[in-house]
Structures are given as structure tokens and as C-alpha cells.
PDB file of all heavy atoms in Angstrom:
ATOM      1  N   ALA A   1     176.314 272.674  93.421  1.00  0.00           N
ATOM      2  CA  ALA A   1     176.031 272.009  94.695  1.00  0.00           C
ATOM      3  C   ALA A   1     176.422 272.899  95.865  1.00  0.00           C
ATOM      4  O   ALA A   1     175.649 273.071  96.814  1.00  0.00           O
ATOM      5  CB  ALA A   1     176.770 270.679  94.773  1.00  0.00           C
ATOM      6  N   ARG A   2     177.614 273.478  95.804  1.00  0.00           N
ATOM      7  CA  ARG A   2     178.060 274.360  96.874  1.00  0.00           C
ATOM      8  C   ARG A   2     177.135 275.557  97.013  1.00  0.00           C
ATOM      9  O   ARG A   2     176.696 275.911  98.106  1.00  0.00           O
ATOM     10  CB  ARG A   2     179.497 274.827  96.610  1.00  0.00           C
ATOM     11  CG  ARG A   2     180.142 275.520  97.803  1.00  0.00           C
ATOM     12  CD  ARG A   2     181.311 276.392  97.392  1.00  0.00           C
ATOM     13  NE  ARG A   2     180.929 277.463  96.497  1.00  0.00           N
ATOM     14  CZ  ARG A   2     180.261 278.564  96.858  1.00  0.00           C
ATOM     15  NH1 ARG A   2     179.887 278.732  98.096  1.00  0.00           N
ATOM     16  NH2 ARG A   2     179.969 279.493  95.968  1.00  0.00           N
ATOM     17  N   ALA A   3     176.771 276.173  95.887  1.00  0.00           N
ATOM     18  CA  ALA A   3     175.891 277.345  95.906  1.00  0.00           C
ATOM     19  C   ALA A   3     174.498 276.978  96.433  1.00  0.00           C
ATOM     20  O   ALA A   3     173.896 277.764  97.172  1.00  0.00           O
ATOM     21  CB  ALA A   3     175.789 277.949  94.512  1.00  0.00           C
ATOM     22  N   ALA A   4     173.996 275.799  96.067  1.00  0.00           N
ATOM     23  CA  ALA A   4     172.684 275.366  96.548  1.00  0.00           C
ATOM     24  C   ALA A   4     172.688 275.207  98.060  1.00  0.00           C
ATOM     25  O   ALA A   4     171.736 275.604  98.740  1.00  0.00           O
ATOM     26  CB  ALA A   4     172.269 274.063  95.877  1.00  0.00           C
ATOM     27  N   LEU A   5     173.757 274.645  98.593  1.00  0.00           N
ATOM     28  CA  LEU A   5     173.852 274.472 100.047  1.00  0.00           C
ATOM     29  C   LEU A   5     173.966 275.810 100.757  1.00  0.00           C
ATOM     30  O   LEU A   5     173.278 276.054 101.759  1.00  0.00           O
ATOM     31  CB  LEU A   5     175.040 273.577 100.399  1.00  0.00           C
ATOM     32  CG  LEU A   5     174.895 272.112 100.004  1.00  0.00           C
ATOM     33  CD1 LEU A   5     176.195 271.370 100.252  1.00  0.00           C
ATOM     34  CD2 LEU A   5     173.758 271.460 100.751  1.00  0.00           C
ATOM     35  N   VAL A   6     174.800 276.687 100.257  1.00  0.00           N
ATOM     36  CA  VAL A   6     174.973 278.000 100.881  1.00  0.00           C
ATOM     37  C   VAL A   6     173.665 278.785 100.818  1.00  0.00           C
ATOM     38  O   VAL A   6     173.229 279.386 101.802  1.00  0.00           O
ATOM     39  CB  VAL A   6     176.132 278.770 100.216  1.00  0.00           C
ATOM     40  CG1 VAL A   6     176.157 280.224 100.653  1.00  0.00           C
ATOM     41  CG2 VAL A   6     177.460 278.098 100.528  1.00  0.00           C
ATOM     42  N   SER A   7     173.010 278.751  99.676  1.00  0.00           N
ATOM     43  CA  SER A   7     171.741 279.463  99.508  1.00  0.00           C
ATOM     44  C   SER A   7     170.652 278.883 100.407  1.00  0.00           C
ATOM     45  O   SER A   7     169.865 279.618 100.992  1.00  0.00           O
ATOM     46  CB  SER A   7     171.309 279.385  98.044  1.00  0.00           C
ATOM     47  OG  SER A   7     170.031 279.940  97.874  1.00  0.00           O
ATOM     48  N   ALA A   8     170.625 277.574 100.532  1.00  0.00           N
ATOM     49  CA  ALA A   8     169.590 276.919 101.335  1.00  0.00           C
ATOM     50  C   ALA A   8     169.658 277.316 102.797  1.00  0.00           C
ATOM     51  O   ALA A   8     168.631 277.447 103.454  1.00  0.00           O
ATOM     52  CB  ALA A   8     169.698 275.399 101.198  1.00  0.00           C
ATOM     53  N   VAL A   9     170.854 277.494 103.302  1.00  0.00           N
ATOM     54  CA  VAL A   9     170.993 277.788 104.733  1.00  0.00           C
ATOM     55  C   VAL A   9     171.040 279.289 105.029  1.00  0.00           C
ATOM     56  O   VAL A   9     171.044 279.678 106.197  1.00  0.00           O
ATOM     57  CB  VAL A   9     172.224 277.080 105.353  1.00  0.00           C
ATOM     58  CG1 VAL A   9     172.122 275.583 105.169  1.00  0.00           C
ATOM     59  CG2 VAL A   9     173.520 277.613 104.781  1.00  0.00           C
ATOM     60  N   ALA A  10     171.049 280.123 104.008  1.00  0.00           N
ATOM     61  CA  ALA A  10     171.070 281.566 104.226  1.00  0.00           C
ATOM     62  C   ALA A  10     169.807 281.966 104.982  1.00  0.00           C
ATOM     63  O   ALA A  10     168.703 281.614 104.603  1.00  0.00           O
ATOM     64  CB  ALA A  10     171.160 282.300 102.897  1.00  0.00           C
ATOM     65  N   GLY A  11     169.994 282.664 106.043  1.00  0.00           N
ATOM     66  CA  GLY A  11     168.857 283.119 106.828  1.00  0.00           C
ATOM     67  C   GLY A  11     168.410 282.149 107.904  1.00  0.00           C
ATOM     68  O   GLY A  11     167.614 282.507 108.766  1.00  0.00           O
ATOM     69  N   ALA A  12     168.894 280.917 107.845  1.00  0.00           N
ATOM     70  CA  ALA A  12     168.552 279.958 108.901  1.00  0.00           C
ATOM     71  C   ALA A  12     169.253 280.381 110.184  1.00  0.00           C
ATOM     72  O   ALA A  12     170.364 280.904 110.147  1.00  0.00           O
ATOM     73  CB  ALA A  12     168.972 278.552 108.495  1.00  0.00           C
ATOM     74  N   GLU A  13     168.591 280.135 111.312  1.00  0.00           N
ATOM     75  CA  GLU A  13     169.134 280.656 112.563  1.00  0.00           C
ATOM     76  C   GLU A  13     169.662 279.598 113.509  1.00  0.00           C
ATOM     77  O   GLU A  13     170.634 279.829 114.215  1.00  0.00           O
ATOM     78  CB  GLU A  13     168.072 281.510 113.253  1.00  0.00           C
ATOM     79  CG  GLU A  13     167.716 282.731 112.423  1.00  0.00           C
ATOM     80  CD  GLU A  13     166.631 283.584 113.045  1.00  0.00           C
ATOM     81  OE1 GLU A  13     166.267 283.338 114.206  1.00  0.00           O
ATOM     82  OE2 GLU A  13     166.158 284.493 112.347  1.00  0.00           O
ATOM     83  N   THR A  14     169.040 278.454 113.546  1.00  0.00           N
ATOM     84  CA  THR A  14     169.473 277.434 114.505  1.00  0.00           C
ATOM     85  C   THR A  14     170.247 276.344 113.788  1.00  0.00           C
ATOM     86  O   THR A  14     170.030 276.105 112.598  1.00  0.00           O
ATOM     87  CB  THR A  14     168.260 276.797 115.226  1.00  0.00           C
ATOM     88  OG1 THR A  14     167.516 276.034 114.259  1.00  0.00           O
ATOM     89  CG2 THR A  14     167.378 277.853 115.863  1.00  0.00           C
ATOM     90  N   PRO A  15     171.139 275.650 114.496  1.00  0.00           N
ATOM     91  CA  PRO A  15     171.868 274.542 113.872  1.00  0.00           C
ATOM     92  C   PRO A  15     170.927 273.477 113.307  1.00  0.00           C
ATOM     93  O   PRO A  15     171.189 272.921 112.241  1.00  0.00           O
ATOM     94  CB  PRO A  15     172.722 273.988 115.018  1.00  0.00           C
ATOM     95  CG  PRO A  15     172.912 275.142 115.942  1.00  0.00           C
ATOM     96  CD  PRO A  15     171.637 275.930 115.859  1.00  0.00           C
ATOM     97  N   THR A  16     169.830 273.223 113.990  1.00  0.00           N
ATOM     98  CA  THR A  16     168.867 272.219 113.509  1.00  0.00           C
ATOM     99  C   THR A  16     168.246 272.663 112.192  1.00  0.00           C
ATOM    100  O   THR A  16     168.122 271.875 111.257  1.00  0.00           O
ATOM    101  CB  THR A  16     167.766 271.980 114.572  1.00  0.00           C
ATOM    102  OG1 THR A  16     168.394 271.554 115.775  1.00  0.00           O
ATOM    103  CG2 THR A  16     166.764 270.956 114.116  1.00  0.00           C
ATOM    104  N   GLU A  17     167.869 273.925 112.119  1.00  0.00           N
ATOM    105  CA  GLU A  17     167.275 274.460 110.895  1.00  0.00           C
ATOM    106  C   GLU A  17     168.293 274.438 109.748  1.00  0.00           C
ATOM    107  O   GLU A  17     167.970 274.061 108.621  1.00  0.00           O
ATOM    108  CB  GLU A  17     166.793 275.889 111.158  1.00  0.00           C
ATOM    109  CG  GLU A  17     166.029 276.503 110.017  1.00  0.00           C
ATOM    110  CD  GLU A  17     165.598 277.937 110.307  1.00  0.00           C
ATOM    111  OE1 GLU A  17     166.061 278.540 111.292  1.00  0.00           O
ATOM    112  OE2 GLU A  17     164.797 278.451 109.510  1.00  0.00           O
ATOM    113  N   ILE A  18     169.515 274.830 110.048  1.00  0.00           N
ATOM    114  CA  ILE A  18     170.575 274.832 109.038  1.00  0.00           C
ATOM    115  C   ILE A  18     170.798 273.419 108.498  1.00  0.00           C
ATOM    116  O   ILE A  18     170.869 273.205 107.292  1.00  0.00           O
ATOM    117  CB  ILE A  18     171.885 275.413 109.619  1.00  0.00           C
ATOM    118  CG1 ILE A  18     171.717 276.910 109.874  1.00  0.00           C
ATOM    119  CG2 ILE A  18     173.066 275.156 108.693  1.00  0.00           C
ATOM    120  CD1 ILE A  18     172.818 277.533 110.710  1.00  0.00           C
ATOM    121  N   ALA A  19     170.893 272.448 109.412  1.00  0.00           N
ATOM    122  CA  ALA A  19     171.129 271.063 109.001  1.00  0.00           C
ATOM    123  C   ALA A  19     170.005 270.559 108.113  1.00  0.00           C
ATOM    124  O   ALA A  19     170.246 269.955 107.066  1.00  0.00           O
ATOM    125  CB  ALA A  19     171.284 270.175 110.233  1.00  0.00           C
ATOM    126  N   GLU A  20     168.764 270.800 108.530  1.00  0.00           N
ATOM    127  CA  GLU A  20     167.642 270.295 107.731  1.00  0.00           C
ATOM    128  C   GLU A  20     167.596 270.933 106.350  1.00  0.00           C
ATOM    129  O   GLU A  20     167.401 270.247 105.343  1.00  0.00           O
ATOM    130  CB  GLU A  20     166.315 270.506 108.449  1.00  0.00           C
ATOM    131  CG  GLU A  20     165.171 269.978 107.607  1.00  0.00           C
ATOM    132  CD  GLU A  20     163.936 269.626 108.393  1.00  0.00           C
ATOM    133  OE1 GLU A  20     163.938 269.703 109.625  1.00  0.00           O
ATOM    134  OE2 GLU A  20     162.959 269.252 107.737  1.00  0.00           O
ATOM    135  N   LEU A  21     167.789 272.233 106.293  1.00  0.00           N
ATOM    136  CA  LEU A  21     167.760 272.918 104.996  1.00  0.00           C
ATOM    137  C   LEU A  21     168.895 272.438 104.089  1.00  0.00           C
ATOM    138  O   LEU A  21     168.697 272.240 102.886  1.00  0.00           O
ATOM    139  CB  LEU A  21     167.827 274.425 105.202  1.00  0.00           C
ATOM    140  CG  LEU A  21     166.592 275.054 105.845  1.00  0.00           C
ATOM    141  CD1 LEU A  21     166.849 276.518 106.191  1.00  0.00           C
ATOM    142  CD2 LEU A  21     165.377 274.918 104.945  1.00  0.00           C
ATOM    143  N   ALA A  22     170.083 272.249 104.656  1.00  0.00           N
ATOM    144  CA  ALA A  22     171.221 271.786 103.858  1.00  0.00           C
ATOM    145  C   ALA A  22     170.988 270.367 103.341  1.00  0.00           C
ATOM    146  O   ALA A  22     171.232 270.079 102.164  1.00  0.00           O
ATOM    147  CB  ALA A  22     172.503 271.855 104.680  1.00  0.00           C
ATOM    148  N   VAL A  23     170.506 269.484 104.215  1.00  0.00           N
ATOM    149  CA  VAL A  23     170.249 268.097 103.788  1.00  0.00           C
ATOM    150  C   VAL A  23     169.181 268.078 102.701  1.00  0.00           C
ATOM    151  O   VAL A  23     169.327 267.406 101.677  1.00  0.00           O
ATOM    152  CB  VAL A  23     169.858 267.211 104.986  1.00  0.00           C
ATOM    153  CG1 VAL A  23     169.266 265.882 104.522  1.00  0.00           C
ATOM    154  CG2 VAL A  23     171.075 266.971 105.871  1.00  0.00           C
ATOM    155  N   ARG A  24     168.108 268.805 102.905  1.00  0.00           N
ATOM    156  CA  ARG A  24     167.029 268.829 101.901  1.00  0.00           C
ATOM    157  C   ARG A  24     167.527 269.392 100.569  1.00  0.00           C
ATOM    158  O   ARG A  24     167.156 268.897  99.505  1.00  0.00           O
ATOM    159  CB  ARG A  24     165.828 269.602 102.419  1.00  0.00           C
ATOM    160  CG  ARG A  24     165.072 268.844 103.485  1.00  0.00           C
ATOM    161  CD  ARG A  24     163.740 269.475 103.850  1.00  0.00           C
ATOM    162  NE  ARG A  24     163.081 268.691 104.871  1.00  0.00           N
ATOM    163  CZ  ARG A  24     162.395 267.573 104.656  1.00  0.00           C
ATOM    164  NH1 ARG A  24     162.277 267.105 103.435  1.00  0.00           N
ATOM    165  NH2 ARG A  24     161.836 266.913 105.655  1.00  0.00           N
ATOM    166  N   ALA A  25     168.385 270.400 100.614  1.00  0.00           N
ATOM    167  CA  ALA A  25     168.925 270.967  99.377  1.00  0.00           C
ATOM    168  C   ALA A  25     169.798 269.953  98.651  1.00  0.00           C
ATOM    169  O   ALA A  25     169.714 269.810  97.421  1.00  0.00           O
ATOM    170  CB  ALA A  25     169.727 272.230  99.681  1.00  0.00           C
ATOM    171  N   PHE A  26     170.627 269.225  99.396  1.00  0.00           N
ATOM    172  CA  PHE A  26     171.493 268.244  98.752  1.00  0.00           C
ATOM    173  C   PHE A  26     170.688 267.054  98.228  1.00  0.00           C
ATOM    174  O   PHE A  26     170.944 266.558  97.132  1.00  0.00           O
ATOM    175  CB  PHE A  26     172.601 267.776  99.698  1.00  0.00           C
ATOM    176  CG  PHE A  26     173.730 267.129  98.960  1.00  0.00           C
ATOM    177  CD1 PHE A  26     174.650 267.895  98.265  1.00  0.00           C
ATOM    178  CD2 PHE A  26     173.871 265.753  98.932  1.00  0.00           C
ATOM    179  CE1 PHE A  26     175.693 267.306  97.554  1.00  0.00           C
ATOM    180  CE2 PHE A  26     174.912 265.153  98.230  1.00  0.00           C
ATOM    181  CZ  PHE A  26     175.818 265.931  97.539  1.00  0.00           C
ATOM    182  N   VAL A  27     169.689 266.628  98.999  1.00  0.00           N
ATOM    183  CA  VAL A  27     168.813 265.542  98.539  1.00  0.00           C
ATOM    184  C   VAL A  27     168.109 265.969  97.253  1.00  0.00           C
ATOM    185  O   VAL A  27     168.029 265.193  96.298  1.00  0.00           O
ATOM    186  CB  VAL A  27     167.804 265.139  99.635  1.00  0.00           C
ATOM    187  CG1 VAL A  27     166.693 264.273  99.072  1.00  0.00           C
ATOM    188  CG2 VAL A  27     168.523 264.403 100.762  1.00  0.00           C
ATOM    189  N   ALA A  28     167.616 267.198  97.212  1.00  0.00           N
ATOM    190  CA  ALA A  28     166.953 267.685  96.001  1.00  0.00           C
ATOM    191  C   ALA A  28     167.913 267.683  94.813  1.00  0.00           C
ATOM    192  O   ALA A  28     167.548 267.258  93.716  1.00  0.00           O
ATOM    193  CB  ALA A  28     166.394 269.088  96.234  1.00  0.00           C
ATOM    194  N   LEU A  29     169.134 268.124  95.045  1.00  0.00           N
ATOM    195  CA  LEU A  29     170.116 268.139  93.958  1.00  0.00           C
ATOM    196  C   LEU A  29     170.365 266.730  93.425  1.00  0.00           C
ATOM    197  O   LEU A  29     170.339 266.498  92.223  1.00  0.00           O
ATOM    198  CB  LEU A  29     171.441 268.745  94.437  1.00  0.00           C
ATOM    199  CG  LEU A  29     172.574 268.705  93.411  1.00  0.00           C
ATOM    200  CD1 LEU A  29     172.377 269.793  92.372  1.00  0.00           C
ATOM    201  CD2 LEU A  29     173.917 268.848  94.070  1.00  0.00           C
ATOM    202  N   VAL A  30     170.571 265.788  94.321  1.00  0.00           N
ATOM    203  CA  VAL A  30     170.949 264.428  93.917  1.00  0.00           C
ATOM    204  C   VAL A  30     169.747 263.622  93.410  1.00  0.00           C
ATOM    205  O   VAL A  30     169.839 262.947  92.394  1.00  0.00           O
ATOM    206  CB  VAL A  30     171.646 263.693  95.082  1.00  0.00           C
ATOM    207  CG1 VAL A  30     171.878 262.234  94.765  1.00  0.00           C
ATOM    208  CG2 VAL A  30     172.971 264.371  95.399  1.00  0.00           C
ATOM    209  N   LEU A  31     168.611 263.696  94.100  1.00  0.00           N
ATOM    210  CA  LEU A  31     167.470 262.870  93.731  1.00  0.00           C
ATOM    211  C   LEU A  31     166.628 263.470  92.609  1.00  0.00           C
ATOM    212  O   LEU A  31     166.133 262.744  91.751  1.00  0.00           O
ATOM    213  CB  LEU A  31     166.583 262.595  94.948  1.00  0.00           C
ATOM    214  CG  LEU A  31     167.003 261.417  95.824  1.00  0.00           C
ATOM    215  CD1 LEU A  31     168.397 261.546  96.366  1.00  0.00           C
ATOM    216  CD2 LEU A  31     166.018 261.220  96.952  1.00  0.00           C
ATOM    217  N   ASP A  32     166.472 264.783  92.618  1.00  0.00           N
ATOM    218  CA  ASP A  32     165.668 265.419  91.574  1.00  0.00           C
ATOM    219  C   ASP A  32     166.446 265.594  90.282  1.00  0.00           C
ATOM    220  O   ASP A  32     165.850 265.757  89.220  1.00  0.00           O
ATOM    221  CB  ASP A  32     165.143 266.774  92.049  1.00  0.00           C
ATOM    222  CG  ASP A  32     164.177 266.650  93.224  1.00  0.00           C
ATOM    223  OD1 ASP A  32     163.676 265.530  93.471  1.00  0.00           O
ATOM    224  OD2 ASP A  32     163.938 267.666  93.896  1.00  0.00           O
ATOM    225  N   HIS A  33     167.749 265.592  90.376  1.00  0.00           N
ATOM    226  CA  HIS A  33     168.622 265.725  89.203  1.00  0.00           C
ATOM    227  C   HIS A  33     169.699 264.639  89.294  1.00  0.00           C
ATOM    228  O   HIS A  33     170.873 264.950  89.539  1.00  0.00           O
ATOM    229  CB  HIS A  33     169.252 267.121  89.162  1.00  0.00           C
ATOM    230  CG  HIS A  33     168.261 268.227  89.246  1.00  0.00           C
ATOM    231  ND1 HIS A  33     167.493 268.611  88.174  1.00  0.00           N
ATOM    232  CD2 HIS A  33     167.866 269.000  90.283  1.00  0.00           C
ATOM    233  CE1 HIS A  33     166.678 269.581  88.546  1.00  0.00           C
ATOM    234  NE2 HIS A  33     166.889 269.834  89.825  1.00  0.00           N
ATOM    235  N   PRO A  34     169.314 263.380  89.104  1.00  0.00           N
ATOM    236  CA  PRO A  34     170.282 262.302  89.315  1.00  0.00           C
ATOM    237  C   PRO A  34     171.519 262.397  88.418  1.00  0.00           C
ATOM    238  O   PRO A  34     172.589 261.950  88.803  1.00  0.00           O
ATOM    239  CB  PRO A  34     169.482 261.028  89.046  1.00  0.00           C
ATOM    240  CG  PRO A  34     168.264 261.457  88.319  1.00  0.00           C
ATOM    241  CD  PRO A  34     168.009 262.882  88.702  1.00  0.00           C
ATOM    242  N   GLU A  35     171.366 263.008  87.238  1.00  0.00           N
ATOM    243  CA  GLU A  35     172.549 263.171  86.385  1.00  0.00           C
ATOM    244  C   GLU A  35     173.588 264.030  87.100  1.00  0.00           C
ATOM    245  O   GLU A  35     174.764 263.713  87.097  1.00  0.00           O
ATOM    246  CB  GLU A  35     172.178 263.821  85.039  1.00  0.00           C
ATOM    247  CG  GLU A  35     171.257 263.002  84.183  1.00  0.00           C
ATOM    248  CD  GLU A  35     169.783 263.149  84.561  1.00  0.00           C
ATOM    249  OE1 GLU A  35     169.437 264.027  85.391  1.00  0.00           O
ATOM    250  OE2 GLU A  35     168.979 262.368  84.038  1.00  0.00           O
ATOM    251  N   ALA A  36     173.134 265.130  87.719  1.00  0.00           N
ATOM    252  CA  ALA A  36     174.059 265.995  88.459  1.00  0.00           C
ATOM    253  C   ALA A  36     174.649 265.247  89.650  1.00  0.00           C
ATOM    254  O   ALA A  36     175.837 265.363  89.942  1.00  0.00           O
ATOM    255  CB  ALA A  36     173.345 267.268  88.924  1.00  0.00           C
ATOM    256  N   GLY A  37     173.816 264.459  90.340  1.00  0.00           N
ATOM    257  CA  GLY A  37     174.313 263.658  91.455  1.00  0.00           C
ATOM    258  C   GLY A  37     175.374 262.668  91.018  1.00  0.00           C
ATOM    259  O   GLY A  37     176.404 262.499  91.682  1.00  0.00           O
ATOM    260  N   ARG A  38     175.136 262.025  89.866  1.00  0.00           N
ATOM    261  CA  ARG A  38     176.131 261.061  89.369  1.00  0.00           C
ATOM    262  C   ARG A  38     177.416 261.763  88.938  1.00  0.00           C
ATOM    263  O   ARG A  38     178.508 261.236  89.123  1.00  0.00           O
ATOM    264  CB  ARG A  38     175.533 260.236  88.229  1.00  0.00           C
ATOM    265  CG  ARG A  38     174.550 259.184  88.702  1.00  0.00           C
ATOM    266  CD  ARG A  38     174.130 258.227  87.603  1.00  0.00           C
ATOM    267  NE  ARG A  38     173.270 258.827  86.609  1.00  0.00           N
ATOM    268  CZ  ARG A  38     171.938 258.840  86.671  1.00  0.00           C
ATOM    269  NH1 ARG A  38     171.306 258.291  87.685  1.00  0.00           N
ATOM    270  NH2 ARG A  38     171.239 259.397  85.710  1.00  0.00           N
ATOM    271  N   VAL A  39     177.292 262.973  88.369  1.00  0.00           N
ATOM    272  CA  VAL A  39     178.501 263.728  88.015  1.00  0.00           C
ATOM    273  C   VAL A  39     179.304 264.024  89.273  1.00  0.00           C
ATOM    274  O   VAL A  39     180.508 263.796  89.330  1.00  0.00           O
ATOM    275  CB  VAL A  39     178.151 265.046  87.272  1.00  0.00           C
ATOM    276  CG1 VAL A  39     179.370 265.965  87.188  1.00  0.00           C
ATOM    277  CG2 VAL A  39     177.611 264.750  85.882  1.00  0.00           C
ATOM    278  N   LEU A  40     178.634 264.491  90.286  1.00  0.00           N
ATOM    279  CA  LEU A  40     179.303 264.912  91.509  1.00  0.00           C
ATOM    280  C   LEU A  40     179.910 263.748  92.277  1.00  0.00           C
ATOM    281  O   LEU A  40     181.043 263.823  92.749  1.00  0.00           O
ATOM    282  CB  LEU A  40     178.299 265.649  92.401  1.00  0.00           C
ATOM    283  CG  LEU A  40     178.838 266.405  93.584  1.00  0.00           C
ATOM    284  CD1 LEU A  40     179.799 267.502  93.152  1.00  0.00           C
ATOM    285  CD2 LEU A  40     177.687 266.999  94.383  1.00  0.00           C
ATOM    286  N   LEU A  41     179.174 262.643  92.377  1.00  0.00           N
ATOM    287  CA  LEU A  41     179.589 261.562  93.268  1.00  0.00           C
ATOM    288  C   LEU A  41     180.172 260.333  92.574  1.00  0.00           C
ATOM    289  O   LEU A  41     181.038 259.664  93.141  1.00  0.00           O
ATOM    290  CB  LEU A  41     178.395 261.132  94.133  1.00  0.00           C
ATOM    291  CG  LEU A  41     177.804 262.242  95.000  1.00  0.00           C
ATOM    292  CD1 LEU A  41     176.514 261.785  95.645  1.00  0.00           C
ATOM    293  CD2 LEU A  41     178.795 262.709  96.038  1.00  0.00           C
ATOM    294  N   LEU A  42     179.696 260.012  91.385  1.00  0.00           N
ATOM    295  CA  LEU A  42     180.171 258.796  90.718  1.00  0.00           C
ATOM    296  C   LEU A  42     181.207 259.053  89.625  1.00  0.00           C
ATOM    297  O   LEU A  42     182.106 258.241  89.431  1.00  0.00           O
ATOM    298  CB  LEU A  42     178.985 258.027  90.118  1.00  0.00           C
ATOM    299  CG  LEU A  42     177.986 257.471  91.121  1.00  0.00           C
ATOM    300  CD1 LEU A  42     176.794 256.843  90.404  1.00  0.00           C
ATOM    301  CD2 LEU A  42     178.649 256.455  92.029  1.00  0.00           C
ATOM    302  N   ALA A  43     181.078 260.165  88.922  1.00  0.00           N
ATOM    303  CA  ALA A  43     182.008 260.429  87.817  1.00  0.00           C
ATOM    304  C   ALA A  43     183.474 260.430  88.250  1.00  0.00           C
ATOM    305  O   ALA A  43     184.320 259.908  87.521  1.00  0.00           O
ATOM    306  CB  ALA A  43     181.643 261.725  87.101  1.00  0.00           C
TER     307      ALA A  43
END
């Protein structure tokens, strides 16, 4: 999760761009891989 967020925002220049890329990366992690999301947040 940490690596996905750092990678997602690499190269982004504005705070708005950084925020959107980070949110989309975390949403992808949690929604596209709910098992990983449950490990991270519910376990």
C-alpha cells in the first residue's frame, strides 16, 4: 500500500494531481483487491 501510493504520486507536480493520484491508487488497492483492503483495514 505504501509503495503503491509513493509510486502513484511520483512525477506528479501539483497538490491536486498528487491527491487525485494517491486517492485513485488507494481506491484501486482496496476495491480491486478487497482481500488486501481487508488485511490492511479490518484484520
